[in-house]
Amino acid sequence: QLQASGGGLVQAGGSLSVSCAASGRFIGVYNMAWFRQSPGKEREFVAGISRTDTASAKGRFQISKDNAKNTVFLQMNSLKPEDTAVYYCAADPQWRGVVAQASAYKHWGQGTLVTVSS
């Protein structure tokens, strides 16, 4: 129901945008977030946006959404090799603000790999 895409290989210092398309009515109804996970590490919150469009994100990242297209975007700038990870989109159906805990999210996309070369 959540399909992430747009990952790839980018050089350090570059930018990349990934997107998450939803097949159901997620984007305007649920809180949406992006997490990332690299080998041997826990899944880490990157950015989130609420159903009321309140956004939060780590400094070099921006999250946005298009309710009409049922799509959430993550813009990543000034990428570093340590940003290399699988990036997942997720949806939280609860009526609350965006939370950073992965356990709060009920729906997950399959992930898209972002590799940043030095």
N, C-alpha and C. Protein backbone atom coordinates (compact mmCIF):
# COMPACT_ATOMS: atom_id res chain seq x y z
N GLN A 1 0.81 -1.20 0.00
CA GLN A 1 0.00 0.00 0.00
C GLN A 1 0.85 1.26 0.00
N LEU A 2 2.10 1.16 0.46
CA LEU A 2 3.05 2.26 0.39
C LEU A 2 4.22 1.82 -0.47
N GLN A 3 4.51 2.59 -1.50
CA GLN A 3 5.55 2.20 -2.45
C GLN A 3 6.59 3.31 -2.52
N ALA A 4 7.77 3.03 -1.98
CA ALA A 4 8.87 4.00 -2.02
C ALA A 4 9.67 3.82 -3.30
N SER A 5 10.18 4.92 -3.81
CA SER A 5 10.99 4.85 -5.03
C SER A 5 11.90 6.07 -5.08
N GLY A 6 12.86 6.01 -6.00
CA GLY A 6 13.73 7.15 -6.23
C GLY A 6 15.12 7.02 -5.65
N GLY A 7 15.40 5.93 -4.93
CA GLY A 7 16.72 5.74 -4.40
C GLY A 7 17.74 5.52 -5.50
N GLY A 8 19.00 5.58 -5.12
CA GLY A 8 20.05 5.36 -6.09
C GLY A 8 21.40 5.76 -5.53
N LEU A 9 22.34 5.89 -6.44
CA LEU A 9 23.71 6.24 -6.08
C LEU A 9 23.94 7.72 -6.33
N VAL A 10 24.48 8.40 -5.34
CA VAL A 10 24.75 9.84 -5.47
C VAL A 10 26.09 10.13 -4.81
N GLN A 11 26.78 11.11 -5.33
CA GLN A 11 28.06 11.49 -4.74
C GLN A 11 27.85 12.35 -3.50
N ALA A 12 28.81 12.27 -2.61
CA ALA A 12 28.75 13.12 -1.41
C ALA A 12 28.63 14.59 -1.82
N GLY A 13 27.77 15.28 -1.09
CA GLY A 13 27.50 16.68 -1.41
C GLY A 13 26.33 16.88 -2.34
N GLY A 14 25.88 15.81 -2.94
CA GLY A 14 24.77 15.91 -3.88
C GLY A 14 23.42 15.86 -3.19
N SER A 15 22.39 15.89 -4.02
CA SER A 15 21.00 15.86 -3.54
C SER A 15 20.24 14.73 -4.21
N LEU A 16 19.21 14.31 -3.53
CA LEU A 16 18.36 13.24 -4.07
C LEU A 16 16.98 13.39 -3.46
N SER A 17 15.98 13.09 -4.25
CA SER A 17 14.61 13.10 -3.74
C SER A 17 14.02 11.71 -3.91
N VAL A 18 13.42 11.22 -2.86
CA VAL A 18 12.72 9.95 -2.92
C VAL A 18 11.24 10.21 -2.66
N SER A 19 10.42 9.32 -3.16
CA SER A 19 8.99 9.51 -3.01
C SER A 19 8.32 8.24 -2.51
N CYS A 20 7.13 8.42 -1.98
CA CYS A 20 6.35 7.31 -1.44
C CYS A 20 4.92 7.49 -1.91
N ALA A 21 4.49 6.58 -2.74
CA ALA A 21 3.12 6.63 -3.26
C ALA A 21 2.24 5.67 -2.49
N ALA A 22 1.06 6.14 -2.12
CA ALA A 22 0.12 5.32 -1.36
C ALA A 22 -1.04 4.89 -2.23
N SER A 23 -1.44 3.66 -2.08
CA SER A 23 -2.56 3.16 -2.86
C SER A 23 -3.89 3.47 -2.21
N GLY A 24 -3.88 3.69 -0.90
CA GLY A 24 -5.09 4.04 -0.19
C GLY A 24 -5.07 5.48 0.26
N ARG A 25 -6.05 5.87 1.07
CA ARG A 25 -6.15 7.24 1.54
C ARG A 25 -5.28 7.46 2.76
N PHE A 26 -3.95 7.38 2.56
CA PHE A 26 -3.03 7.58 3.67
C PHE A 26 -2.63 9.03 3.85
N ILE A 27 -2.25 9.65 2.76
CA ILE A 27 -1.46 10.86 2.84
C ILE A 27 -2.19 11.99 3.54
N GLY A 28 -3.41 12.20 3.27
CA GLY A 28 -4.13 13.29 3.90
C GLY A 28 -4.81 12.90 5.20
N VAL A 29 -4.71 11.63 5.56
CA VAL A 29 -5.46 11.11 6.71
C VAL A 29 -4.53 10.69 7.84
N TYR A 30 -3.40 10.13 7.50
CA TYR A 30 -2.46 9.65 8.50
C TYR A 30 -1.26 10.59 8.63
N ASN A 31 -0.56 10.49 9.75
CA ASN A 31 0.77 11.10 9.84
C ASN A 31 1.73 10.23 9.03
N MET A 32 2.59 10.86 8.28
CA MET A 32 3.54 10.15 7.43
C MET A 32 4.96 10.45 7.86
N ALA A 33 5.84 9.50 7.67
CA ALA A 33 7.23 9.70 8.08
C ALA A 33 8.17 8.92 7.17
N TRP A 34 9.40 9.35 7.22
CA TRP A 34 10.50 8.62 6.59
C TRP A 34 11.47 8.18 7.69
N PHE A 35 11.84 6.92 7.60
CA PHE A 35 12.87 6.35 8.45
C PHE A 35 13.98 5.83 7.55
N ARG A 36 15.12 5.56 8.16
CA ARG A 36 16.20 4.91 7.42
C ARG A 36 16.87 3.88 8.31
N GLN A 37 17.46 2.92 7.63
CA GLN A 37 18.16 1.87 8.37
C GLN A 37 19.36 1.42 7.56
N SER A 38 20.50 1.42 8.21
CA SER A 38 21.73 0.91 7.60
C SER A 38 22.13 -0.36 8.34
N PRO A 39 22.95 -1.20 7.73
CA PRO A 39 23.29 -2.49 8.32
C PRO A 39 23.83 -2.36 9.74
N GLY A 40 23.27 -3.15 10.63
CA GLY A 40 23.73 -3.17 12.00
C GLY A 40 23.21 -2.07 12.88
N LYS A 41 22.36 -1.23 12.32
CA LYS A 41 21.82 -0.11 13.09
C LYS A 41 20.31 -0.20 13.19
N GLU A 42 19.78 0.48 14.20
CA GLU A 42 18.33 0.52 14.36
C GLU A 42 17.70 1.47 13.33
N ARG A 43 16.44 1.24 13.10
CA ARG A 43 15.71 2.13 12.20
C ARG A 43 15.61 3.51 12.83
N GLU A 44 15.93 4.53 12.05
CA GLU A 44 16.10 5.89 12.57
C GLU A 44 15.11 6.84 11.90
N PHE A 45 14.45 7.66 12.69
CA PHE A 45 13.53 8.67 12.18
C PHE A 45 14.31 9.74 11.42
N VAL A 46 13.79 10.10 10.25
CA VAL A 46 14.43 11.13 9.43
C VAL A 46 13.56 12.37 9.31
N ALA A 47 12.29 12.15 9.05
CA ALA A 47 11.38 13.28 8.85
C ALA A 47 9.94 12.79 8.97
N GLY A 48 9.06 13.71 9.36
CA GLY A 48 7.65 13.36 9.45
C GLY A 48 6.78 14.56 9.12
N ILE A 49 5.57 14.27 8.69
CA ILE A 49 4.61 15.33 8.40
C ILE A 49 3.23 14.86 8.83
N SER A 50 2.56 15.74 9.54
CA SER A 50 1.27 15.35 10.10
C SER A 50 0.15 15.50 9.07
N ARG A 51 -1.01 15.00 9.42
CA ARG A 51 -2.19 15.13 8.56
C ARG A 51 -2.56 16.59 8.39
N THR A 52 -2.11 17.44 9.31
CA THR A 52 -2.38 18.89 9.21
C THR A 52 -1.18 19.66 8.67
N ASP A 53 -0.25 18.93 8.06
CA ASP A 53 0.89 19.51 7.36
C ASP A 53 1.98 20.11 8.25
N THR A 54 2.01 19.73 9.51
CA THR A 54 3.11 20.13 10.37
C THR A 54 4.27 19.17 10.11
N ALA A 55 5.41 19.75 9.73
CA ALA A 55 6.54 18.92 9.31
C ALA A 55 7.70 19.06 10.29
N SER A 56 8.45 17.99 10.42
CA SER A 56 9.69 18.00 11.18
C SER A 56 10.69 17.13 10.46
N ALA A 57 11.95 17.57 10.46
CA ALA A 57 12.96 16.82 9.71
C ALA A 57 14.34 17.14 10.22
N LYS A 58 15.26 16.20 10.03
CA LYS A 58 16.66 16.46 10.32
C LYS A 58 17.14 17.57 9.39
N GLY A 59 18.20 18.26 9.80
CA GLY A 59 18.61 19.51 9.18
C GLY A 59 18.76 19.53 7.67
N ARG A 60 19.30 18.52 7.05
CA ARG A 60 19.56 18.54 5.61
C ARG A 60 18.44 17.91 4.81
N PHE A 61 17.37 17.57 5.47
CA PHE A 61 16.27 16.86 4.83
C PHE A 61 14.98 17.69 4.91
N GLN A 62 14.16 17.52 3.89
CA GLN A 62 12.86 18.18 3.85
C GLN A 62 11.80 17.18 3.44
N ILE A 63 10.68 17.22 4.13
CA ILE A 63 9.57 16.35 3.79
C ILE A 63 8.41 17.20 3.29
N SER A 64 7.72 16.68 2.31
CA SER A 64 6.56 17.36 1.78
C SER A 64 5.58 16.30 1.27
N LYS A 65 4.38 16.74 0.95
CA LYS A 65 3.41 15.78 0.45
C LYS A 65 2.48 16.43 -0.54
N ASP A 66 1.89 15.61 -1.36
CA ASP A 66 0.88 16.04 -2.31
C ASP A 66 -0.34 15.17 -2.06
N ASN A 67 -1.31 15.74 -1.37
CA ASN A 67 -2.49 14.94 -1.01
C ASN A 67 -3.24 14.46 -2.25
N ALA A 68 -3.30 15.30 -3.25
CA ALA A 68 -4.06 14.92 -4.45
C ALA A 68 -3.41 13.73 -5.16
N LYS A 69 -2.08 13.66 -5.08
CA LYS A 69 -1.37 12.55 -5.72
C LYS A 69 -1.07 11.42 -4.75
N ASN A 70 -1.51 11.57 -3.50
CA ASN A 70 -1.28 10.53 -2.50
C ASN A 70 0.20 10.16 -2.39
N THR A 71 1.04 11.16 -2.38
CA THR A 71 2.48 10.93 -2.42
C THR A 71 3.19 11.82 -1.39
N VAL A 72 4.18 11.23 -0.73
CA VAL A 72 5.05 11.96 0.19
C VAL A 72 6.46 11.96 -0.39
N PHE A 73 7.14 13.06 -0.20
CA PHE A 73 8.47 13.23 -0.77
C PHE A 73 9.49 13.50 0.35
N LEU A 74 10.70 13.05 0.12
CA LEU A 74 11.81 13.38 1.01
C LEU A 74 12.93 13.95 0.14
N GLN A 75 13.24 15.20 0.37
CA GLN A 75 14.34 15.85 -0.33
C GLN A 75 15.56 15.80 0.57
N MET A 76 16.64 15.26 0.05
CA MET A 76 17.87 15.10 0.82
C MET A 76 18.97 15.93 0.17
N ASN A 77 19.57 16.81 0.93
CA ASN A 77 20.58 17.71 0.41
C ASN A 77 21.92 17.51 1.12
N SER A 78 22.97 17.94 0.47
CA SER A 78 24.33 17.86 1.04
C SER A 78 24.58 16.47 1.62
N LEU A 79 24.32 15.48 0.83
CA LEU A 79 24.39 14.10 1.31
C LEU A 79 25.80 13.70 1.69
N LYS A 80 25.87 12.85 2.70
CA LYS A 80 27.14 12.35 3.22
C LYS A 80 27.15 10.83 3.13
N PRO A 81 28.32 10.23 3.10
CA PRO A 81 28.37 8.75 3.04
C PRO A 81 27.59 8.10 4.19
N GLU A 82 27.54 8.74 5.34
CA GLU A 82 26.80 8.17 6.48
C GLU A 82 25.29 8.23 6.31
N ASP A 83 24.82 8.90 5.26
CA ASP A 83 23.40 8.89 4.94
C ASP A 83 23.00 7.64 4.15
N THR A 84 23.98 6.84 3.79
CA THR A 84 23.70 5.60 3.07
C THR A 84 22.84 4.69 3.92
N ALA A 85 21.71 4.28 3.37
CA ALA A 85 20.76 3.46 4.11
C ALA A 85 19.60 3.08 3.19
N VAL A 86 18.79 2.19 3.68
CA VAL A 86 17.49 1.95 3.06
C VAL A 86 16.50 2.91 3.70
N TYR A 87 15.80 3.65 2.88
CA TYR A 87 14.85 4.64 3.35
C TYR A 87 13.44 4.08 3.22
N TYR A 88 12.71 4.14 4.32
CA TYR A 88 11.35 3.61 4.38
C TYR A 88 10.35 4.73 4.65
N CYS A 89 9.21 4.66 3.98
CA CYS A 89 8.11 5.53 4.36
C CYS A 89 7.15 4.74 5.25
N ALA A 90 6.46 5.47 6.11
CA ALA A 90 5.58 4.81 7.07
C ALA A 90 4.39 5.71 7.37
N ALA A 91 3.31 5.08 7.81
CA ALA A 91 2.08 5.81 8.13
C ALA A 91 1.60 5.46 9.53
N ASP A 92 1.24 6.50 10.26
CA ASP A 92 0.73 6.35 11.64
C ASP A 92 -0.73 6.77 11.64
N PRO A 93 -1.65 5.87 11.93
CA PRO A 93 -3.07 6.21 11.87
C PRO A 93 -3.60 6.91 13.11
N GLN A 94 -2.82 7.01 14.16
CA GLN A 94 -3.31 7.57 15.42
C GLN A 94 -3.46 9.09 15.34
N TRP A 95 -4.43 9.60 16.08
CA TRP A 95 -4.67 11.04 16.15
C TRP A 95 -3.72 11.66 17.17
N ARG A 96 -2.53 12.02 16.70
CA ARG A 96 -1.50 12.63 17.54
C ARG A 96 -0.52 13.33 16.63
N GLY A 97 0.43 14.04 17.24
CA GLY A 97 1.47 14.66 16.43
C GLY A 97 2.43 13.61 15.91
N VAL A 98 3.31 14.07 15.05
CA VAL A 98 4.32 13.15 14.49
C VAL A 98 5.23 12.67 15.61
N VAL A 99 5.44 11.37 15.64
CA VAL A 99 6.34 10.79 16.63
C VAL A 99 7.51 10.13 15.93
N ALA A 100 8.61 10.01 16.65
CA ALA A 100 9.84 9.49 16.04
C ALA A 100 10.06 8.01 16.28
N GLN A 101 9.17 7.38 17.02
CA GLN A 101 9.36 5.96 17.32
C GLN A 101 8.79 5.10 16.20
N ALA A 102 9.61 4.23 15.69
CA ALA A 102 9.18 3.37 14.59
C ALA A 102 8.00 2.49 14.98
N SER A 103 7.94 2.11 16.25
CA SER A 103 6.86 1.22 16.71
C SER A 103 5.48 1.86 16.61
N ALA A 104 5.44 3.18 16.47
CA ALA A 104 4.15 3.87 16.38
C ALA A 104 3.53 3.76 14.99
N TYR A 105 4.29 3.36 14.03
CA TYR A 105 3.83 3.35 12.64
C TYR A 105 3.32 1.97 12.25
N LYS A 106 2.11 1.97 11.75
CA LYS A 106 1.43 0.70 11.47
C LYS A 106 1.71 0.21 10.05
N HIS A 107 1.88 1.13 9.12
CA HIS A 107 2.03 0.75 7.72
C HIS A 107 3.41 1.17 7.23
N TRP A 108 4.05 0.29 6.47
CA TRP A 108 5.40 0.53 5.99
C TRP A 108 5.51 0.21 4.50
N GLY A 109 6.32 1.02 3.84
CA GLY A 109 6.67 0.69 2.48
C GLY A 109 7.85 -0.27 2.46
N GLN A 110 8.24 -0.71 1.28
CA GLN A 110 9.26 -1.73 1.16
C GLN A 110 10.68 -1.17 1.24
N GLY A 111 10.85 0.14 1.17
CA GLY A 111 12.17 0.74 1.28
C GLY A 111 12.81 0.97 -0.05
N THR A 112 13.64 1.99 -0.09
CA THR A 112 14.42 2.28 -1.30
C THR A 112 15.84 2.62 -0.85
N LEU A 113 16.82 2.03 -1.53
CA LEU A 113 18.21 2.14 -1.12
C LEU A 113 18.83 3.43 -1.66
N VAL A 114 19.44 4.17 -0.74
CA VAL A 114 20.20 5.36 -1.10
C VAL A 114 21.66 5.11 -0.73
N THR A 115 22.53 5.24 -1.71
CA THR A 115 23.95 5.03 -1.49
C THR A 115 24.69 6.31 -1.82
N VAL A 116 25.46 6.80 -0.85
CA VAL A 116 26.21 8.03 -1.05
C VAL A 116 27.70 7.68 -1.10
N SER A 117 28.31 7.96 -2.21
CA SER A 117 29.73 7.63 -2.38
C SER A 117 30.59 8.83 -1.97
N SER A 118 31.77 8.51 -1.44
CA SER A 118 32.68 9.57 -0.99
C SER A 118 33.57 10.05 -2.11
